[in-house]
Amino acid sequence: MAIGLEARCRSRAPAPAGRSQKRRVPPREPHPLDNGRAVNPRRPARATHPEILQALRRARDLTDRDFAQPLTLDAMAAAARLSKFHFARAFASAYGETPRTYLTRRRVERAKDLLRAANLTITEICFCVGFESVGSFSARFKELVGTSPTEYRRSAAGAPPIPGCFVLMWTRPPAPTRMRNPEEAPPAGAR
């Protein structure tokens, strides 16, 4: 076997002077999602495929639903059933912002609602919408809204605020229900 390999390596004649040895690569068949455009295989695909958009919507729905929880890129990518790197590129391509920026914007939008309507302190609102530090909450709020949370609350004072105890009770997760065996007969008087 070694002789065959050496013979193949020696059989290649050196290129004539002035000419380079280039391998000719056959043209690639167009993919149906390319729409006839030339595609660079090293560049990530655009997030226009319906299955990718559906996966991104699943992750965006998770973000909208669980914005107050500590969401990570891994958790959002798992909801989309994509790798975290492909998910981040596809999300930014489809929605024009990164998943983290989207999550932060949703949290600030919810904080604006609570600042306008709830009788909670800024610290309580900060933790209620999912931020882990008041300093980062205030900095992101001012960056996105243009005013500090305190100034925003003062300028939005119009409608009577909702008592904080109701807001905290409303945002509290529901108590777990006891799972019944579906084959079990319904309790007496339930029908």
N, C-alpha and C. Protein backbone atom coordinates (compact mmCIF):
# COMPACT_ATOMS: atom_id res chain seq x y z
N MET A 1 0.81 -1.19 0.00
CA MET A 1 0.00 0.00 0.00
C MET A 1 0.85 1.25 0.00
N ALA A 2 1.96 1.24 0.73
CA ALA A 2 2.81 2.42 0.80
C ALA A 2 3.41 2.73 -0.56
N ILE A 3 3.71 1.71 -1.34
CA ILE A 3 4.30 1.96 -2.66
C ILE A 3 3.29 2.65 -3.56
N GLY A 4 2.05 2.24 -3.49
CA GLY A 4 1.01 2.88 -4.31
C GLY A 4 0.86 4.35 -3.97
N LEU A 5 0.93 4.68 -2.68
CA LEU A 5 0.79 6.07 -2.24
C LEU A 5 1.97 6.89 -2.72
N GLU A 6 3.20 6.33 -2.60
CA GLU A 6 4.38 7.06 -3.07
C GLU A 6 4.32 7.26 -4.57
N ALA A 7 3.88 6.26 -5.28
CA ALA A 7 3.80 6.38 -6.73
C ALA A 7 2.82 7.45 -7.14
N ARG A 8 1.70 7.57 -6.43
CA ARG A 8 0.74 8.62 -6.76
C ARG A 8 1.31 9.99 -6.47
N CYS A 9 2.04 10.12 -5.36
CA CYS A 9 2.61 11.42 -5.00
C CYS A 9 3.69 11.83 -6.01
N ARG A 10 4.50 10.88 -6.50
CA ARG A 10 5.56 11.21 -7.45
C ARG A 10 5.02 11.41 -8.85
N SER A 11 3.86 10.84 -9.14
CA SER A 11 3.35 10.93 -10.50
C SER A 11 2.86 12.33 -10.85
N ARG A 12 2.62 13.15 -9.86
CA ARG A 12 2.19 14.52 -10.15
C ARG A 12 3.37 15.31 -10.67
N ALA A 13 3.23 15.75 -11.84
CA ALA A 13 4.31 16.55 -12.42
C ALA A 13 4.19 17.97 -11.92
N PRO A 14 5.31 18.64 -11.67
CA PRO A 14 5.22 20.02 -11.23
C PRO A 14 4.60 20.89 -12.32
N ALA A 15 3.95 21.95 -11.90
CA ALA A 15 3.30 22.86 -12.84
C ALA A 15 4.36 23.57 -13.68
N PRO A 16 4.08 23.79 -14.95
CA PRO A 16 5.02 24.53 -15.77
C PRO A 16 5.23 25.93 -15.21
N ALA A 17 6.38 26.49 -15.47
CA ALA A 17 6.71 27.82 -14.95
C ALA A 17 5.71 28.83 -15.48
N GLY A 18 5.25 29.71 -14.58
CA GLY A 18 4.32 30.76 -14.98
C GLY A 18 2.85 30.36 -14.86
N ARG A 19 2.56 29.11 -14.66
CA ARG A 19 1.16 28.67 -14.52
C ARG A 19 0.94 28.10 -13.13
N SER A 20 -0.12 28.47 -12.52
CA SER A 20 -0.43 27.95 -11.19
C SER A 20 -1.34 26.74 -11.33
N GLN A 21 -1.28 25.90 -10.35
CA GLN A 21 -2.12 24.71 -10.34
C GLN A 21 -3.39 25.04 -9.58
N LYS A 22 -4.50 25.21 -10.26
CA LYS A 22 -5.77 25.48 -9.61
C LYS A 22 -6.71 24.32 -9.87
N ARG A 23 -7.40 23.97 -8.84
CA ARG A 23 -8.41 22.93 -9.02
C ARG A 23 -9.68 23.58 -9.51
N ARG A 24 -10.28 22.99 -10.46
CA ARG A 24 -11.55 23.52 -10.96
C ARG A 24 -12.68 22.92 -10.11
N VAL A 25 -13.46 23.80 -9.54
CA VAL A 25 -14.57 23.36 -8.72
C VAL A 25 -15.83 23.45 -9.57
N PRO A 26 -16.57 22.36 -9.69
CA PRO A 26 -17.78 22.42 -10.52
C PRO A 26 -18.80 23.37 -9.88
N PRO A 27 -19.61 24.04 -10.69
CA PRO A 27 -20.61 24.95 -10.13
C PRO A 27 -21.62 24.19 -9.29
N ARG A 28 -22.03 24.82 -8.22
CA ARG A 28 -22.96 24.20 -7.28
C ARG A 28 -24.38 24.31 -7.82
N GLU A 29 -25.16 23.28 -7.59
CA GLU A 29 -26.57 23.31 -7.98
C GLU A 29 -27.28 24.34 -7.10
N PRO A 30 -28.14 25.18 -7.66
CA PRO A 30 -28.84 26.17 -6.82
C PRO A 30 -29.82 25.47 -5.88
N HIS A 31 -29.83 25.93 -4.67
CA HIS A 31 -30.75 25.42 -3.66
C HIS A 31 -32.09 26.12 -3.85
N PRO A 32 -33.21 25.44 -3.61
CA PRO A 32 -34.51 26.09 -3.81
C PRO A 32 -34.71 27.34 -2.95
N LEU A 33 -34.01 27.45 -1.82
CA LEU A 33 -34.18 28.63 -0.96
C LEU A 33 -33.31 29.80 -1.39
N ASP A 34 -32.42 29.58 -2.37
CA ASP A 34 -31.51 30.64 -2.80
C ASP A 34 -32.19 31.65 -3.72
N ASN A 35 -33.33 31.30 -4.27
CA ASN A 35 -34.04 32.15 -5.22
C ASN A 35 -33.17 32.58 -6.39
N GLY A 36 -32.31 31.68 -6.84
CA GLY A 36 -31.48 31.97 -7.99
C GLY A 36 -30.26 32.82 -7.72
N ARG A 37 -30.04 33.25 -6.48
CA ARG A 37 -28.89 34.10 -6.16
C ARG A 37 -27.69 33.23 -5.88
N ALA A 38 -26.51 33.79 -6.14
CA ALA A 38 -25.28 33.09 -5.78
C ALA A 38 -25.16 33.13 -4.27
N VAL A 39 -24.78 32.02 -3.67
CA VAL A 39 -24.72 31.92 -2.23
C VAL A 39 -23.30 31.56 -1.81
N ASN A 40 -22.81 32.28 -0.84
CA ASN A 40 -21.50 31.97 -0.27
C ASN A 40 -21.72 30.90 0.80
N PRO A 41 -21.09 29.72 0.67
CA PRO A 41 -21.35 28.67 1.66
C PRO A 41 -20.83 29.00 3.04
N ARG A 42 -19.92 29.96 3.17
CA ARG A 42 -19.40 30.33 4.50
C ARG A 42 -20.27 31.36 5.19
N ARG A 43 -21.16 31.98 4.47
CA ARG A 43 -22.01 33.02 5.04
C ARG A 43 -23.30 32.37 5.54
N PRO A 44 -23.80 32.77 6.72
CA PRO A 44 -25.01 32.15 7.22
C PRO A 44 -26.21 32.45 6.33
N ALA A 45 -27.11 31.50 6.25
CA ALA A 45 -28.31 31.68 5.44
C ALA A 45 -29.21 32.74 6.04
N ARG A 46 -29.95 33.40 5.20
CA ARG A 46 -30.91 34.38 5.70
C ARG A 46 -32.06 33.63 6.35
N ALA A 47 -32.64 34.24 7.36
CA ALA A 47 -33.71 33.58 8.12
C ALA A 47 -35.05 33.82 7.42
N THR A 48 -35.21 33.26 6.25
CA THR A 48 -36.47 33.42 5.54
C THR A 48 -37.18 32.10 5.34
N HIS A 49 -36.54 31.02 5.66
CA HIS A 49 -37.18 29.72 5.51
C HIS A 49 -38.32 29.62 6.51
N PRO A 50 -39.48 29.15 6.08
CA PRO A 50 -40.64 29.10 6.99
C PRO A 50 -40.39 28.32 8.27
N GLU A 51 -39.62 27.22 8.19
CA GLU A 51 -39.37 26.43 9.40
C GLU A 51 -38.50 27.21 10.38
N ILE A 52 -37.54 27.97 9.88
CA ILE A 52 -36.69 28.77 10.76
C ILE A 52 -37.51 29.89 11.38
N LEU A 53 -38.36 30.54 10.58
CA LEU A 53 -39.20 31.62 11.12
C LEU A 53 -40.15 31.08 12.18
N GLN A 54 -40.67 29.89 11.97
CA GLN A 54 -41.56 29.28 12.96
C GLN A 54 -40.79 29.00 14.25
N ALA A 55 -39.56 28.51 14.13
CA ALA A 55 -38.73 28.25 15.30
C ALA A 55 -38.41 29.55 16.03
N LEU A 56 -38.14 30.61 15.29
CA LEU A 56 -37.85 31.90 15.91
C LEU A 56 -39.08 32.46 16.62
N ARG A 57 -40.25 32.23 16.06
CA ARG A 57 -41.48 32.67 16.74
C ARG A 57 -41.68 31.94 18.06
N ARG A 58 -41.34 30.65 18.07
CA ARG A 58 -41.44 29.89 19.34
C ARG A 58 -40.56 30.52 20.41
N ALA A 59 -39.34 30.88 20.02
CA ALA A 59 -38.42 31.49 20.98
C ALA A 59 -38.91 32.88 21.39
N ARG A 60 -39.45 33.63 20.43
CA ARG A 60 -39.96 34.96 20.76
C ARG A 60 -41.18 34.86 21.67
N ASP A 61 -42.02 33.87 21.46
CA ASP A 61 -43.17 33.65 22.34
C ASP A 61 -42.71 33.30 23.75
N LEU A 62 -41.68 32.47 23.85
CA LEU A 62 -41.11 32.14 25.17
C LEU A 62 -40.61 33.41 25.84
N THR A 63 -39.93 34.26 25.09
CA THR A 63 -39.41 35.50 25.65
C THR A 63 -40.54 36.41 26.10
N ASP A 64 -41.60 36.51 25.30
CA ASP A 64 -42.73 37.35 25.67
C ASP A 64 -43.45 36.81 26.91
N ARG A 65 -43.54 35.49 27.01
CA ARG A 65 -44.25 34.88 28.13
C ARG A 65 -43.43 34.87 29.41
N ASP A 66 -42.14 34.56 29.31
CA ASP A 66 -41.30 34.37 30.50
C ASP A 66 -40.24 35.46 30.64
N PHE A 67 -40.55 36.68 30.22
CA PHE A 67 -39.55 37.75 30.26
C PHE A 67 -39.05 38.03 31.67
N ALA A 68 -39.87 37.76 32.68
CA ALA A 68 -39.48 38.04 34.06
C ALA A 68 -38.56 36.97 34.64
N GLN A 69 -38.44 35.85 33.95
CA GLN A 69 -37.56 34.77 34.41
C GLN A 69 -36.14 35.03 33.90
N PRO A 70 -35.14 34.43 34.52
CA PRO A 70 -33.77 34.59 34.02
C PRO A 70 -33.55 33.76 32.75
N LEU A 71 -33.86 34.35 31.59
CA LEU A 71 -33.72 33.66 30.32
C LEU A 71 -32.30 33.79 29.79
N THR A 72 -31.77 32.70 29.29
CA THR A 72 -30.45 32.72 28.68
C THR A 72 -30.58 32.45 27.19
N LEU A 73 -29.51 32.71 26.47
CA LEU A 73 -29.50 32.41 25.04
C LEU A 73 -29.71 30.92 24.82
N ASP A 74 -29.15 30.09 25.68
CA ASP A 74 -29.33 28.64 25.57
C ASP A 74 -30.80 28.25 25.69
N ALA A 75 -31.52 28.86 26.62
CA ALA A 75 -32.93 28.53 26.82
C ALA A 75 -33.77 28.97 25.62
N MET A 76 -33.48 30.16 25.09
CA MET A 76 -34.22 30.63 23.92
C MET A 76 -33.92 29.76 22.70
N ALA A 77 -32.65 29.40 22.53
CA ALA A 77 -32.28 28.54 21.40
C ALA A 77 -32.89 27.16 21.54
N ALA A 78 -32.99 26.66 22.76
CA ALA A 78 -33.61 25.35 22.98
C ALA A 78 -35.10 25.40 22.62
N ALA A 79 -35.76 26.52 22.91
CA ALA A 79 -37.17 26.66 22.54
C ALA A 79 -37.33 26.67 21.02
N ALA A 80 -36.34 27.23 20.33
CA ALA A 80 -36.38 27.27 18.87
C ALA A 80 -35.86 25.97 18.25
N ARG A 81 -35.25 25.13 19.08
CA ARG A 81 -34.64 23.87 18.62
C ARG A 81 -33.54 24.13 17.59
N LEU A 82 -32.71 25.16 17.88
CA LEU A 82 -31.57 25.51 17.03
C LEU A 82 -30.34 25.62 17.92
N SER A 83 -29.16 25.56 17.31
CA SER A 83 -27.95 25.82 18.10
C SER A 83 -27.96 27.28 18.50
N LYS A 84 -27.32 27.60 19.62
CA LYS A 84 -27.40 28.98 20.11
C LYS A 84 -26.75 29.97 19.16
N PHE A 85 -25.72 29.55 18.44
CA PHE A 85 -25.05 30.46 17.52
C PHE A 85 -25.90 30.71 16.28
N HIS A 86 -26.48 29.65 15.73
CA HIS A 86 -27.35 29.82 14.56
C HIS A 86 -28.60 30.59 14.96
N PHE A 87 -29.13 30.30 16.14
CA PHE A 87 -30.31 31.02 16.63
C PHE A 87 -30.04 32.51 16.74
N ALA A 88 -28.91 32.89 17.33
CA ALA A 88 -28.60 34.31 17.51
C ALA A 88 -28.48 35.01 16.15
N ARG A 89 -27.81 34.37 15.18
CA ARG A 89 -27.67 34.98 13.85
C ARG A 89 -29.02 35.08 13.15
N ALA A 90 -29.81 34.02 13.20
CA ALA A 90 -31.10 34.00 12.52
C ALA A 90 -32.08 34.99 13.16
N PHE A 91 -32.07 35.09 14.48
CA PHE A 91 -32.96 36.02 15.18
C PHE A 91 -32.63 37.46 14.80
N ALA A 92 -31.34 37.78 14.81
CA ALA A 92 -30.92 39.14 14.45
C ALA A 92 -31.25 39.44 12.99
N SER A 93 -31.12 38.45 12.12
CA SER A 93 -31.44 38.65 10.71
C SER A 93 -32.93 38.85 10.50
N ALA A 94 -33.75 38.09 11.22
CA ALA A 94 -35.20 38.15 11.03
C ALA A 94 -35.84 39.37 11.70
N TYR A 95 -35.40 39.71 12.91
CA TYR A 95 -36.07 40.75 13.69
C TYR A 95 -35.27 42.05 13.82
N GLY A 96 -34.04 42.06 13.34
CA GLY A 96 -33.27 43.30 13.36
C GLY A 96 -32.64 43.64 14.70
N GLU A 97 -32.71 42.75 15.67
CA GLU A 97 -32.08 42.95 16.96
C GLU A 97 -31.72 41.61 17.56
N THR A 98 -30.76 41.61 18.45
CA THR A 98 -30.33 40.34 19.05
C THR A 98 -31.38 39.86 20.05
N PRO A 99 -31.36 38.57 20.39
CA PRO A 99 -32.32 38.07 21.38
C PRO A 99 -32.21 38.79 22.72
N ARG A 100 -31.00 39.12 23.16
CA ARG A 100 -30.82 39.82 24.44
C ARG A 100 -31.43 41.22 24.37
N THR A 101 -31.23 41.92 23.25
CA THR A 101 -31.80 43.26 23.10
C THR A 101 -33.32 43.19 23.11
N TYR A 102 -33.87 42.18 22.43
CA TYR A 102 -35.33 42.01 22.41
C TYR A 102 -35.86 41.76 23.82
N LEU A 103 -35.19 40.89 24.56
CA LEU A 103 -35.61 40.58 25.93
C LEU A 103 -35.55 41.83 26.81
N THR A 104 -34.48 42.58 26.69
CA THR A 104 -34.34 43.81 27.49
C THR A 104 -35.44 44.81 27.14
N ARG A 105 -35.73 44.96 25.84
CA ARG A 105 -36.77 45.90 25.42
C ARG A 105 -38.13 45.47 25.96
N ARG A 106 -38.44 44.17 25.94
CA ARG A 106 -39.71 43.69 26.49
C ARG A 106 -39.80 43.97 27.99
N ARG A 107 -38.69 43.77 28.70
CA ARG A 107 -38.69 44.03 30.14
C ARG A 107 -38.92 45.51 30.42
N VAL A 108 -38.30 46.36 29.64
CA VAL A 108 -38.47 47.81 29.85
C VAL A 108 -39.89 48.23 29.50
N GLU A 109 -40.49 47.64 28.45
CA GLU A 109 -41.88 47.96 28.12
C GLU A 109 -42.81 47.59 29.28
N ARG A 110 -42.58 46.43 29.87
CA ARG A 110 -43.41 46.01 31.00
C ARG A 110 -43.17 46.92 32.21
N ALA A 111 -41.92 47.33 32.41
CA ALA A 111 -41.61 48.23 33.52
C ALA A 111 -42.31 49.58 33.32
N LYS A 112 -42.40 50.05 32.09
CA LYS A 112 -43.11 51.31 31.82
C LYS A 112 -44.57 51.18 32.22
N ASP A 113 -45.20 50.05 31.89
CA ASP A 113 -46.60 49.83 32.28
C ASP A 113 -46.74 49.84 33.80
N LEU A 114 -45.83 49.16 34.49
CA LEU A 114 -45.92 49.10 35.96
C LEU A 114 -45.62 50.47 36.58
N LEU A 115 -44.70 51.22 36.02
CA LEU A 115 -44.40 52.55 36.56
C LEU A 115 -45.60 53.48 36.41
N ARG A 116 -46.35 53.31 35.32
CA ARG A 116 -47.52 54.15 35.10
C ARG A 116 -48.68 53.76 35.99
N ALA A 117 -48.87 52.45 36.19
CA ALA A 117 -50.11 52.00 36.79
C ALA A 117 -50.00 51.38 38.17
N ALA A 118 -48.83 50.96 38.59
CA ALA A 118 -48.73 50.22 39.85
C ALA A 118 -48.12 51.08 40.95
N ASN A 119 -48.50 50.76 42.17
CA ASN A 119 -47.97 51.46 43.33
C ASN A 119 -46.84 50.62 43.93
N LEU A 120 -45.81 50.36 43.14
CA LEU A 120 -44.65 49.60 43.58
C LEU A 120 -43.42 50.49 43.54
N THR A 121 -42.44 50.16 44.36
CA THR A 121 -41.19 50.92 44.31
C THR A 121 -40.43 50.52 43.04
N ILE A 122 -39.47 51.33 42.68
CA ILE A 122 -38.68 51.05 41.48
C ILE A 122 -37.90 49.75 41.67
N THR A 123 -37.44 49.49 42.87
CA THR A 123 -36.72 48.25 43.14
C THR A 123 -37.63 47.05 42.94
N GLU A 124 -38.85 47.11 43.43
CA GLU A 124 -39.80 46.01 43.24
C GLU A 124 -40.10 45.79 41.76
N ILE A 125 -40.27 46.87 41.02
CA ILE A 125 -40.54 46.77 39.59
C ILE A 125 -39.34 46.16 38.87
N CYS A 126 -38.15 46.58 39.26
CA CYS A 126 -36.92 46.06 38.68
C CYS A 126 -36.88 44.54 38.78
N PHE A 127 -37.13 44.01 39.95
CA PHE A 127 -37.08 42.56 40.15
C PHE A 127 -38.30 41.86 39.57
N CYS A 128 -39.43 42.55 39.52
CA CYS A 128 -40.66 41.97 38.99
C CYS A 128 -40.55 41.74 37.48
N VAL A 129 -39.82 42.59 36.76
CA VAL A 129 -39.71 42.43 35.30
C VAL A 129 -38.51 41.59 34.89
N GLY A 130 -37.68 41.17 35.85
CA GLY A 130 -36.62 40.23 35.52
C GLY A 130 -35.20 40.75 35.57
N PHE A 131 -35.01 42.02 35.90
CA PHE A 131 -33.64 42.52 36.04
C PHE A 131 -33.08 42.05 37.38
N GLU A 132 -31.77 41.89 37.44
CA GLU A 132 -31.15 41.40 38.66
C GLU A 132 -30.49 42.50 39.47
N SER A 133 -30.37 43.70 38.91
CA SER A 133 -29.79 44.81 39.68
C SER A 133 -30.49 46.10 39.31
N VAL A 134 -30.70 46.93 40.30
CA VAL A 134 -31.38 48.21 40.08
C VAL A 134 -30.54 49.11 39.19
N GLY A 135 -29.23 49.05 39.34
CA GLY A 135 -28.34 49.88 38.53
C GLY A 135 -28.44 49.55 37.05
N SER A 136 -28.42 48.26 36.71
CA SER A 136 -28.53 47.89 35.30
C SER A 136 -29.93 48.20 34.77
N PHE A 137 -30.95 48.03 35.61
CA PHE A 137 -32.31 48.38 35.20
C PHE A 137 -32.41 49.86 34.88
N SER A 138 -31.92 50.70 35.77
CA SER A 138 -32.00 52.15 35.55
C SER A 138 -31.22 52.57 34.31
N ALA A 139 -30.03 51.99 34.12
CA ALA A 139 -29.21 52.34 32.96
C ALA A 139 -29.90 51.93 31.66
N ARG A 140 -30.43 50.71 31.60
CA ARG A 140 -31.11 50.26 30.38
C ARG A 140 -32.39 51.04 30.15
N PHE A 141 -33.11 51.35 31.22
CA PHE A 141 -34.34 52.11 31.09
C PHE A 141 -34.05 53.49 30.50
N LYS A 142 -33.04 54.16 31.05
CA LYS A 142 -32.70 55.49 30.54
C LYS A 142 -32.19 55.42 29.11
N GLU A 143 -31.45 54.37 28.78
CA GLU A 143 -30.92 54.20 27.43
C GLU A 143 -32.05 54.02 26.41
N LEU A 144 -33.08 53.25 26.76
CA LEU A 144 -34.17 52.96 25.83
C LEU A 144 -35.28 54.00 25.84
N VAL A 145 -35.60 54.56 27.01
CA VAL A 145 -36.73 55.48 27.12
C VAL A 145 -36.28 56.94 27.02
N GLY A 146 -35.09 57.22 27.54
CA GLY A 146 -34.60 58.59 27.50
C GLY A 146 -34.69 59.32 28.83
N THR A 147 -35.40 58.75 29.77
CA THR A 147 -35.50 59.34 31.11
C THR A 147 -35.28 58.23 32.14
N SER A 148 -35.00 58.64 33.36
CA SER A 148 -34.84 57.64 34.42
C SER A 148 -36.22 57.11 34.82
N PRO A 149 -36.28 55.96 35.48
CA PRO A 149 -37.58 55.43 35.92
C PRO A 149 -38.35 56.40 36.82
N THR A 150 -37.64 57.10 37.69
CA THR A 150 -38.31 58.05 38.59
C THR A 150 -38.92 59.20 37.81
N GLU A 151 -38.17 59.75 36.86
CA GLU A 151 -38.70 60.84 36.03
C GLU A 151 -39.87 60.36 35.18
N TYR A 152 -39.77 59.15 34.67
CA TYR A 152 -40.85 58.60 33.86
C TYR A 152 -42.12 58.46 34.69
N ARG A 153 -41.98 57.99 35.93
CA ARG A 153 -43.15 57.83 36.80
C ARG A 153 -43.80 59.18 37.08
N ARG A 154 -42.98 60.20 37.34
CA ARG A 154 -43.52 61.54 37.60
C ARG A 154 -44.27 62.08 36.39
N SER A 155 -43.69 61.90 35.20
CA SER A 155 -44.33 62.44 34.00
C SER A 155 -45.58 61.66 33.60
N ALA A 156 -45.67 60.41 33.99
CA ALA A 156 -46.82 59.58 33.62
C ALA A 156 -47.90 59.57 34.68
N ALA A 157 -47.75 60.35 35.74
CA ALA A 157 -48.75 60.36 36.82
C ALA A 157 -50.04 60.96 36.29
N GLY A 158 -51.04 60.13 36.09
CA GLY A 158 -52.32 60.59 35.59
C GLY A 158 -53.42 59.74 36.18
N ALA A 159 -53.45 58.48 35.78
CA ALA A 159 -54.46 57.55 36.28
C ALA A 159 -54.07 57.09 37.68
N PRO A 160 -55.04 56.78 38.51
CA PRO A 160 -54.71 56.28 39.85
C PRO A 160 -53.97 54.96 39.74
N PRO A 161 -52.91 54.77 40.52
CA PRO A 161 -52.12 53.55 40.43
C PRO A 161 -52.84 52.34 41.01
N ILE A 162 -52.50 51.18 40.50
CA ILE A 162 -53.03 49.92 41.01
C ILE A 162 -52.23 49.59 42.27
N PRO A 163 -52.88 49.18 43.35
CA PRO A 163 -52.12 48.83 44.55
C PRO A 163 -51.11 47.71 44.27
N GLY A 164 -49.93 47.86 44.85
CA GLY A 164 -48.85 46.91 44.60
C GLY A 164 -49.18 45.49 44.97
N CYS A 165 -50.00 45.31 46.04
CA CYS A 165 -50.33 43.94 46.46
C CYS A 165 -51.11 43.21 45.38
N PHE A 166 -51.96 43.93 44.62
CA PHE A 166 -52.71 43.30 43.53
C PHE A 166 -51.79 42.93 42.38
N VAL A 167 -50.84 43.81 42.07
CA VAL A 167 -49.91 43.52 40.97
C VAL A 167 -49.06 42.31 41.32
N LEU A 168 -48.54 42.25 42.54
CA LEU A 168 -47.72 41.11 42.93
C LEU A 168 -48.54 39.83 42.95
N MET A 169 -49.81 39.93 43.38
CA MET A 169 -50.67 38.76 43.39
C MET A 169 -50.99 38.32 41.95
N TRP A 170 -51.18 39.27 41.04
CA TRP A 170 -51.52 38.97 39.65
C TRP A 170 -50.35 38.32 38.93
N THR A 171 -49.11 38.76 39.21
CA THR A 171 -47.94 38.23 38.51
C THR A 171 -47.38 36.97 39.17
N ARG A 172 -47.95 36.58 40.31
CA ARG A 172 -47.50 35.37 40.99
C ARG A 172 -47.89 34.13 40.19
N PRO A 173 -47.01 33.15 40.07
CA PRO A 173 -47.38 31.93 39.33
C PRO A 173 -48.54 31.22 40.01
N PRO A 174 -49.39 30.57 39.23
CA PRO A 174 -50.54 29.89 39.83
C PRO A 174 -50.09 28.69 40.66
N ALA A 175 -50.90 28.37 41.64
CA ALA A 175 -50.63 27.22 42.50
C ALA A 175 -50.76 25.95 41.68
N PRO A 176 -49.89 24.98 41.90
CA PRO A 176 -50.00 23.74 41.12
C PRO A 176 -51.31 23.03 41.44
N THR A 177 -51.95 22.53 40.40
CA THR A 177 -53.20 21.81 40.59
C THR A 177 -52.91 20.33 40.73
N ARG A 178 -53.74 19.67 41.48
CA ARG A 178 -53.56 18.23 41.69
C ARG A 178 -53.98 17.51 40.42
N MET A 179 -53.08 16.71 39.90
CA MET A 179 -53.37 15.96 38.68
C MET A 179 -54.25 14.77 39.04
N ARG A 180 -55.36 14.65 38.34
CA ARG A 180 -56.25 13.53 38.57
C ARG A 180 -56.01 12.48 37.50
N ASN A 181 -56.29 11.27 37.83
CA ASN A 181 -56.23 10.20 36.86
C ASN A 181 -57.42 10.36 35.93
N PRO A 182 -57.20 10.46 34.59
CA PRO A 182 -58.33 10.67 33.70
C PRO A 182 -59.32 9.51 33.69
N GLU A 183 -58.88 8.33 34.10
CA GLU A 183 -59.79 7.19 34.13
C GLU A 183 -60.64 7.17 35.40
N GLU A 184 -60.26 7.99 36.35
CA GLU A 184 -60.97 8.05 37.63
C GLU A 184 -62.34 8.69 37.41
N ALA A 185 -63.31 8.20 38.10
CA ALA A 185 -64.65 8.76 37.98
C ALA A 185 -64.67 10.18 38.54
N PRO A 186 -65.44 11.09 37.95
CA PRO A 186 -65.51 12.45 38.49
C PRO A 186 -66.09 12.44 39.89
N PRO A 187 -65.70 13.42 40.72
CA PRO A 187 -66.26 13.46 42.07
C PRO A 187 -67.77 13.61 42.05
N ALA A 188 -68.39 13.12 43.10
CA ALA A 188 -69.86 13.18 43.21
C ALA A 188 -70.32 14.62 43.20
N GLY A 189 -71.34 14.91 42.43
CA GLY A 189 -71.90 16.26 42.38
C GLY A 189 -71.18 17.14 41.39
N ALA A 190 -70.24 16.63 40.64
CA ALA A 190 -69.51 17.45 39.69
C ALA A 190 -70.28 17.61 38.40
N ARG A 191 -71.22 16.71 38.12
CA ARG A 191 -71.97 16.81 36.87
C ARG A 191 -73.20 17.58 37.00
